[in-house]
Amino acid sequence: MPVLTPAGAPVSSLLVLLLFAAKYLVSCEESRMLNPTLASKQTTIDIDDSGPLDPFPVTCVFQRE
C-alpha cells in the first residue's frame, strides 16, 4: 500500500524513510512535496541536514503552476 500525503498524493518510500530519519526538513520544496495544496507554511529547515549549520525558521510561499 503506497504512503500518501494529507492531500492524497503518493510519496516515495525513500522520501518517507528520509523524513523519519531527520528532525527537520532540508528545504521548502521538501515541505511542498509532502503537502502540495499548501499556499504557504512556517517551518524550520536544516539546509545541511544535521551538519555544522544550525536549523533556522522560514516562511515557505508556494506558487501553483
N, C-alpha and C. Protein backbone atom coordinates (compact mmCIF):
# COMPACT_ATOMS: atom_id res chain seq x y z
N MET A 1 0.85 -1.17 0.00
CA MET A 1 0.00 0.00 0.00
C MET A 1 0.89 1.24 0.00
N PRO A 2 0.69 2.18 -0.93
CA PRO A 2 1.55 3.37 -1.01
C PRO A 2 1.27 4.34 0.14
N VAL A 3 2.29 5.09 0.51
CA VAL A 3 2.15 6.15 1.51
C VAL A 3 1.64 7.38 0.79
N LEU A 4 0.66 8.07 1.39
CA LEU A 4 0.07 9.25 0.76
C LEU A 4 0.25 10.47 1.64
N THR A 5 0.36 11.62 1.00
CA THR A 5 0.37 12.88 1.74
C THR A 5 -1.04 13.16 2.23
N PRO A 6 -1.22 14.16 3.11
CA PRO A 6 -2.59 14.51 3.54
C PRO A 6 -3.49 14.88 2.36
N ALA A 7 -2.90 15.35 1.25
CA ALA A 7 -3.69 15.71 0.07
C ALA A 7 -3.97 14.49 -0.81
N GLY A 8 -3.43 13.32 -0.44
CA GLY A 8 -3.70 12.12 -1.21
C GLY A 8 -2.68 11.81 -2.29
N ALA A 9 -1.61 12.59 -2.38
CA ALA A 9 -0.57 12.35 -3.39
C ALA A 9 0.38 11.26 -2.89
N PRO A 10 0.84 10.37 -3.76
CA PRO A 10 1.77 9.32 -3.32
C PRO A 10 3.14 9.89 -2.96
N VAL A 11 3.78 9.28 -2.00
CA VAL A 11 5.12 9.67 -1.57
C VAL A 11 6.02 8.45 -1.72
N SER A 12 7.21 8.64 -2.26
CA SER A 12 8.11 7.51 -2.44
C SER A 12 8.57 6.97 -1.09
N SER A 13 8.87 5.70 -1.04
CA SER A 13 9.34 5.06 0.20
C SER A 13 10.64 5.68 0.68
N LEU A 14 11.51 6.05 -0.26
CA LEU A 14 12.78 6.67 0.10
C LEU A 14 12.55 8.00 0.80
N LEU A 15 11.62 8.80 0.29
CA LEU A 15 11.31 10.09 0.91
C LEU A 15 10.76 9.88 2.31
N VAL A 16 9.90 8.91 2.48
CA VAL A 16 9.34 8.62 3.80
C VAL A 16 10.46 8.24 4.76
N LEU A 17 11.37 7.40 4.32
CA LEU A 17 12.49 6.99 5.16
C LEU A 17 13.34 8.19 5.55
N LEU A 18 13.64 9.06 4.61
CA LEU A 18 14.45 10.24 4.90
C LEU A 18 13.76 11.19 5.88
N LEU A 19 12.45 11.34 5.73
CA LEU A 19 11.72 12.25 6.61
C LEU A 19 11.68 11.75 8.04
N PHE A 20 11.56 10.45 8.22
CA PHE A 20 11.52 9.92 9.57
C PHE A 20 12.91 9.88 10.20
N ALA A 21 13.96 9.93 9.40
CA ALA A 21 15.33 9.90 9.92
C ALA A 21 15.80 11.30 10.31
N ALA A 22 15.23 12.35 9.75
CA ALA A 22 15.68 13.72 10.00
C ALA A 22 14.69 14.44 10.92
N LYS A 23 15.22 15.29 11.77
CA LYS A 23 14.36 16.06 12.67
C LYS A 23 13.70 17.23 11.95
N TYR A 24 14.43 17.82 10.98
CA TYR A 24 13.91 18.97 10.23
C TYR A 24 13.93 18.67 8.74
N LEU A 25 13.09 19.38 8.01
CA LEU A 25 13.13 19.32 6.55
C LEU A 25 14.37 20.06 6.07
N VAL A 26 14.85 19.75 4.87
CA VAL A 26 16.04 20.44 4.37
C VAL A 26 15.69 21.57 3.40
N SER A 27 14.42 21.68 3.00
CA SER A 27 14.05 22.74 2.06
C SER A 27 12.54 22.97 2.08
N CYS A 28 12.14 24.08 1.51
CA CYS A 28 10.71 24.33 1.31
C CYS A 28 10.14 23.36 0.28
N GLU A 29 10.94 22.98 -0.69
CA GLU A 29 10.49 22.04 -1.71
C GLU A 29 10.09 20.71 -1.08
N GLU A 30 10.85 20.27 -0.10
CA GLU A 30 10.51 19.03 0.60
C GLU A 30 9.16 19.18 1.31
N SER A 31 8.91 20.33 1.90
CA SER A 31 7.63 20.60 2.54
C SER A 31 6.50 20.60 1.52
N ARG A 32 6.74 21.19 0.35
CA ARG A 32 5.71 21.23 -0.70
C ARG A 32 5.38 19.83 -1.20
N MET A 33 6.38 18.96 -1.30
CA MET A 33 6.14 17.59 -1.76
C MET A 33 5.24 16.84 -0.78
N LEU A 34 5.36 17.15 0.50
CA LEU A 34 4.53 16.47 1.49
C LEU A 34 3.08 16.94 1.49
N ASN A 35 2.86 18.19 1.11
CA ASN A 35 1.50 18.73 1.06
C ASN A 35 1.40 19.74 -0.07
N PRO A 36 1.17 19.26 -1.29
CA PRO A 36 1.18 20.15 -2.46
C PRO A 36 0.04 21.16 -2.52
N THR A 37 -0.93 21.08 -1.63
CA THR A 37 -2.05 22.03 -1.67
C THR A 37 -1.81 23.27 -0.82
N LEU A 38 -0.73 23.30 -0.04
CA LEU A 38 -0.46 24.46 0.80
C LEU A 38 -0.09 25.69 -0.02
N ALA A 39 -0.55 26.85 0.40
CA ALA A 39 -0.15 28.11 -0.22
C ALA A 39 1.11 28.65 0.45
N SER A 40 1.23 28.42 1.76
CA SER A 40 2.42 28.83 2.50
C SER A 40 2.51 28.00 3.78
N LYS A 41 3.70 28.01 4.38
CA LYS A 41 3.90 27.26 5.61
C LYS A 41 5.09 27.84 6.37
N GLN A 42 4.92 28.04 7.67
CA GLN A 42 6.03 28.41 8.52
C GLN A 42 6.62 27.13 9.09
N THR A 43 7.93 26.97 8.94
CA THR A 43 8.58 25.75 9.39
C THR A 43 10.03 26.05 9.73
N THR A 44 10.73 25.06 10.19
CA THR A 44 12.17 25.17 10.45
C THR A 44 12.87 24.23 9.49
N ILE A 45 13.90 24.72 8.79
CA ILE A 45 14.64 23.86 7.88
C ILE A 45 16.10 23.77 8.32
N ASP A 46 16.72 22.70 7.91
CA ASP A 46 18.13 22.43 8.20
C ASP A 46 18.81 22.13 6.87
N ILE A 47 19.34 23.16 6.22
CA ILE A 47 19.83 23.02 4.85
C ILE A 47 21.00 22.07 4.69
N ASP A 48 21.74 21.82 5.77
CA ASP A 48 22.86 20.87 5.66
C ASP A 48 22.59 19.58 6.43
N ASP A 49 21.32 19.34 6.77
CA ASP A 49 20.87 18.09 7.39
C ASP A 49 21.77 17.61 8.51
N SER A 50 21.73 18.32 9.61
CA SER A 50 22.49 17.98 10.82
C SER A 50 24.00 18.22 10.69
N GLY A 51 24.40 19.04 9.73
CA GLY A 51 25.80 19.42 9.60
C GLY A 51 26.12 20.54 10.58
N PRO A 52 27.17 21.33 10.32
CA PRO A 52 27.58 22.36 11.26
C PRO A 52 26.65 23.58 11.33
N LEU A 53 25.81 23.79 10.32
CA LEU A 53 24.90 24.93 10.33
C LEU A 53 23.65 24.61 11.16
N ASP A 54 23.22 25.57 11.96
CA ASP A 54 22.02 25.39 12.78
C ASP A 54 20.76 25.49 11.92
N PRO A 55 19.71 24.75 12.29
CA PRO A 55 18.41 24.92 11.62
C PRO A 55 17.90 26.34 11.87
N PHE A 56 17.05 26.84 10.96
CA PHE A 56 16.51 28.19 11.13
C PHE A 56 15.07 28.25 10.63
N PRO A 57 14.27 29.16 11.21
CA PRO A 57 12.86 29.28 10.80
C PRO A 57 12.74 29.98 9.45
N VAL A 58 11.78 29.53 8.66
CA VAL A 58 11.49 30.14 7.35
C VAL A 58 9.99 30.17 7.13
N THR A 59 9.57 31.03 6.22
CA THR A 59 8.21 31.00 5.72
C THR A 59 8.29 30.60 4.26
N CYS A 60 7.76 29.44 3.95
CA CYS A 60 7.75 28.95 2.57
C CYS A 60 6.47 29.44 1.89
N VAL A 61 6.60 30.05 0.73
CA VAL A 61 5.46 30.51 -0.05
C VAL A 61 5.48 29.77 -1.37
N PHE A 62 4.39 29.06 -1.67
CA PHE A 62 4.34 28.20 -2.84
C PHE A 62 3.45 28.81 -3.91
N GLN A 63 3.91 28.72 -5.16
CA GLN A 63 3.12 29.17 -6.30
C GLN A 63 2.60 27.95 -7.02
N ARG A 64 1.37 28.02 -7.46
CA ARG A 64 0.79 26.92 -8.22
C ARG A 64 1.12 27.10 -9.69
N GLU A 65 1.41 26.00 -10.33
CA GLU A 65 1.76 26.06 -11.77
C GLU A 65 0.55 25.96 -12.64
